[in-house]
Amino acid sequence: MTDPAEHPGQQTGLQRLFEGFFGSVRNLIAHTGYRYDDGKEAFQLLMLLDLLVGSLDAAAKRLGTTLP
């Protein structure tokens, strides 16, 4: 989802954040059975995910739609 009212650089930056998160974090966990040794690292990644999902929710509200 992209908010067309946002600056193109901001759109690209957010897209790259999502790509990076899913390319490194999600794939590592989903495809290798990786477990975090440090609870703080896992918590930080959850907070990053919360930030990303929050940005999608905010864009959906600005566009007058909802997330599935």
N, C-alpha and C. Protein backbone atom coordinates (compact mmCIF):
# COMPACT_ATOMS: atom_id res chain seq x y z
N MET A 1 0.85 -1.16 0.00
CA MET A 1 0.00 0.00 0.00
C MET A 1 0.89 1.23 0.00
N THR A 2 0.57 2.16 -0.85
CA THR A 2 1.32 3.40 -0.94
C THR A 2 0.37 4.57 -0.85
N ASP A 3 0.76 5.54 -0.09
CA ASP A 3 -0.01 6.78 -0.01
C ASP A 3 0.53 7.71 -1.08
N PRO A 4 -0.25 7.96 -2.13
CA PRO A 4 0.26 8.80 -3.23
C PRO A 4 0.55 10.23 -2.81
N ALA A 5 0.04 10.65 -1.65
CA ALA A 5 0.30 12.01 -1.19
C ALA A 5 1.68 12.14 -0.55
N GLU A 6 2.32 11.04 -0.23
CA GLU A 6 3.64 11.08 0.37
C GLU A 6 4.70 11.36 -0.68
N HIS A 7 5.78 11.95 -0.23
CA HIS A 7 6.92 12.23 -1.10
C HIS A 7 7.44 10.91 -1.66
N PRO A 8 7.81 10.86 -2.96
CA PRO A 8 8.29 9.60 -3.56
C PRO A 8 9.47 8.98 -2.80
N GLY A 9 10.35 9.80 -2.28
CA GLY A 9 11.48 9.27 -1.52
C GLY A 9 11.02 8.58 -0.24
N GLN A 10 10.00 9.13 0.39
CA GLN A 10 9.45 8.51 1.59
C GLN A 10 8.77 7.19 1.24
N GLN A 11 8.06 7.16 0.14
CA GLN A 11 7.42 5.92 -0.31
C GLN A 11 8.47 4.83 -0.54
N THR A 12 9.54 5.19 -1.23
CA THR A 12 10.61 4.24 -1.53
C THR A 12 11.30 3.78 -0.25
N GLY A 13 11.55 4.71 0.66
CA GLY A 13 12.21 4.36 1.91
C GLY A 13 11.40 3.37 2.73
N LEU A 14 10.09 3.60 2.83
CA LEU A 14 9.24 2.69 3.58
C LEU A 14 9.18 1.32 2.91
N GLN A 15 9.11 1.31 1.59
CA GLN A 15 9.11 0.05 0.86
C GLN A 15 10.40 -0.74 1.14
N ARG A 16 11.51 -0.05 1.16
CA ARG A 16 12.79 -0.73 1.42
C ARG A 16 12.88 -1.24 2.85
N LEU A 17 12.28 -0.50 3.80
CA LEU A 17 12.24 -1.01 5.16
C LEU A 17 11.49 -2.33 5.23
N PHE A 18 10.33 -2.39 4.57
CA PHE A 18 9.57 -3.63 4.53
C PHE A 18 10.35 -4.75 3.85
N GLU A 19 10.96 -4.44 2.72
CA GLU A 19 11.75 -5.45 2.01
C GLU A 19 12.87 -5.97 2.89
N GLY A 20 13.55 -5.07 3.57
CA GLY A 20 14.65 -5.48 4.45
C GLY A 20 14.18 -6.33 5.60
N PHE A 21 13.07 -5.93 6.21
CA PHE A 21 12.54 -6.70 7.33
C PHE A 21 12.17 -8.12 6.89
N PHE A 22 11.41 -8.21 5.81
CA PHE A 22 10.98 -9.53 5.37
C PHE A 22 12.12 -10.34 4.78
N GLY A 23 13.05 -9.67 4.11
CA GLY A 23 14.18 -10.38 3.52
C GLY A 23 15.14 -10.94 4.54
N SER A 24 15.32 -10.22 5.64
CA SER A 24 16.30 -10.69 6.62
C SER A 24 15.65 -11.35 7.82
N VAL A 25 14.71 -10.70 8.43
CA VAL A 25 14.14 -11.19 9.68
C VAL A 25 13.12 -12.30 9.44
N ARG A 26 12.12 -12.03 8.65
CA ARG A 26 11.05 -13.00 8.44
C ARG A 26 11.57 -14.27 7.78
N ASN A 27 12.39 -14.13 6.76
CA ASN A 27 12.91 -15.32 6.07
C ASN A 27 13.81 -16.15 6.97
N LEU A 28 14.60 -15.49 7.80
CA LEU A 28 15.47 -16.20 8.73
C LEU A 28 14.64 -17.08 9.67
N ILE A 29 13.61 -16.50 10.24
CA ILE A 29 12.78 -17.22 11.21
C ILE A 29 11.94 -18.29 10.52
N ALA A 30 11.34 -17.95 9.39
CA ALA A 30 10.41 -18.86 8.72
C ALA A 30 11.10 -20.03 8.05
N HIS A 31 12.32 -19.85 7.60
CA HIS A 31 12.95 -20.88 6.78
C HIS A 31 14.11 -21.61 7.44
N THR A 32 14.51 -21.20 8.63
CA THR A 32 15.65 -21.86 9.25
C THR A 32 15.38 -22.38 10.65
N GLY A 33 14.24 -22.03 11.23
CA GLY A 33 13.98 -22.45 12.61
C GLY A 33 14.85 -21.70 13.60
N TYR A 34 15.33 -20.54 13.21
CA TYR A 34 16.21 -19.73 14.04
C TYR A 34 15.51 -19.33 15.34
N ARG A 35 16.27 -19.35 16.42
CA ARG A 35 15.77 -18.89 17.72
C ARG A 35 16.73 -17.83 18.26
N TYR A 36 16.16 -16.78 18.82
CA TYR A 36 16.99 -15.71 19.37
C TYR A 36 17.55 -16.11 20.72
N ASP A 37 18.84 -15.87 20.90
CA ASP A 37 19.48 -16.12 22.20
C ASP A 37 19.20 -14.99 23.17
N ASP A 38 18.95 -13.82 22.62
CA ASP A 38 18.76 -12.62 23.43
C ASP A 38 17.33 -12.12 23.27
N GLY A 39 16.57 -12.12 24.34
CA GLY A 39 15.19 -11.65 24.30
C GLY A 39 15.09 -10.19 23.87
N LYS A 40 16.11 -9.40 24.17
CA LYS A 40 16.08 -7.99 23.80
C LYS A 40 16.07 -7.84 22.28
N GLU A 41 16.86 -8.65 21.58
CA GLU A 41 16.91 -8.58 20.12
C GLU A 41 15.54 -8.93 19.53
N ALA A 42 14.92 -9.98 20.05
CA ALA A 42 13.60 -10.37 19.58
C ALA A 42 12.58 -9.26 19.83
N PHE A 43 12.65 -8.65 21.01
CA PHE A 43 11.74 -7.56 21.34
C PHE A 43 11.94 -6.37 20.40
N GLN A 44 13.17 -6.02 20.12
CA GLN A 44 13.45 -4.91 19.21
C GLN A 44 12.88 -5.17 17.83
N LEU A 45 12.98 -6.39 17.35
CA LEU A 45 12.43 -6.72 16.04
C LEU A 45 10.90 -6.67 16.05
N LEU A 46 10.30 -7.07 17.14
CA LEU A 46 8.84 -6.94 17.26
C LEU A 46 8.43 -5.47 17.25
N MET A 47 9.22 -4.63 17.87
CA MET A 47 8.91 -3.20 17.87
C MET A 47 9.07 -2.61 16.47
N LEU A 48 10.05 -3.07 15.72
CA LEU A 48 10.21 -2.63 14.33
C LEU A 48 8.99 -3.06 13.51
N LEU A 49 8.57 -4.30 13.71
CA LEU A 49 7.38 -4.78 13.01
C LEU A 49 6.16 -3.95 13.39
N ASP A 50 6.03 -3.61 14.66
CA ASP A 50 4.92 -2.77 15.11
C ASP A 50 4.96 -1.41 14.41
N LEU A 51 6.14 -0.84 14.26
CA LEU A 51 6.29 0.43 13.55
C LEU A 51 5.85 0.31 12.09
N LEU A 52 6.27 -0.76 11.44
CA LEU A 52 5.92 -0.97 10.04
C LEU A 52 4.42 -1.17 9.85
N VAL A 53 3.82 -2.00 10.68
CA VAL A 53 2.37 -2.22 10.58
C VAL A 53 1.62 -0.94 10.92
N GLY A 54 2.11 -0.18 11.89
CA GLY A 54 1.49 1.09 12.23
C GLY A 54 1.53 2.07 11.06
N SER A 55 2.61 2.05 10.30
CA SER A 55 2.69 2.95 9.14
C SER A 55 1.69 2.54 8.07
N LEU A 56 1.46 1.23 7.91
CA LEU A 56 0.43 0.77 6.98
C LEU A 56 -0.96 1.19 7.44
N ASP A 57 -1.21 1.06 8.72
CA ASP A 57 -2.51 1.44 9.27
C ASP A 57 -2.76 2.93 9.09
N ALA A 58 -1.74 3.74 9.34
CA ALA A 58 -1.88 5.19 9.19
C ALA A 58 -2.14 5.55 7.72
N ALA A 59 -1.44 4.90 6.79
CA ALA A 59 -1.66 5.16 5.37
C ALA A 59 -3.07 4.74 4.97
N ALA A 60 -3.53 3.60 5.48
CA ALA A 60 -4.89 3.14 5.16
C ALA A 60 -5.92 4.13 5.65
N LYS A 61 -5.73 4.69 6.83
CA LYS A 61 -6.68 5.69 7.35
C LYS A 61 -6.67 6.95 6.49
N ARG A 62 -5.47 7.39 6.07
CA ARG A 62 -5.39 8.58 5.22
C ARG A 62 -6.07 8.34 3.87
N LEU A 63 -6.02 7.09 3.39
CA LEU A 63 -6.61 6.76 2.11
C LEU A 63 -8.09 6.37 2.23
N GLY A 64 -8.60 6.34 3.46
CA GLY A 64 -10.01 6.02 3.67
C GLY A 64 -10.34 4.55 3.49
N THR A 65 -9.41 3.68 3.82
CA THR A 65 -9.63 2.25 3.70
C THR A 65 -9.17 1.57 4.98
N THR A 66 -9.30 0.27 5.05
CA THR A 66 -8.82 -0.47 6.21
C THR A 66 -7.94 -1.61 5.74
N LEU A 67 -7.11 -2.10 6.65
CA LEU A 67 -6.28 -3.24 6.34
C LEU A 67 -7.12 -4.50 6.49
N PRO A 68 -6.82 -5.53 5.70
CA PRO A 68 -7.60 -6.78 5.83
C PRO A 68 -7.37 -7.45 7.16
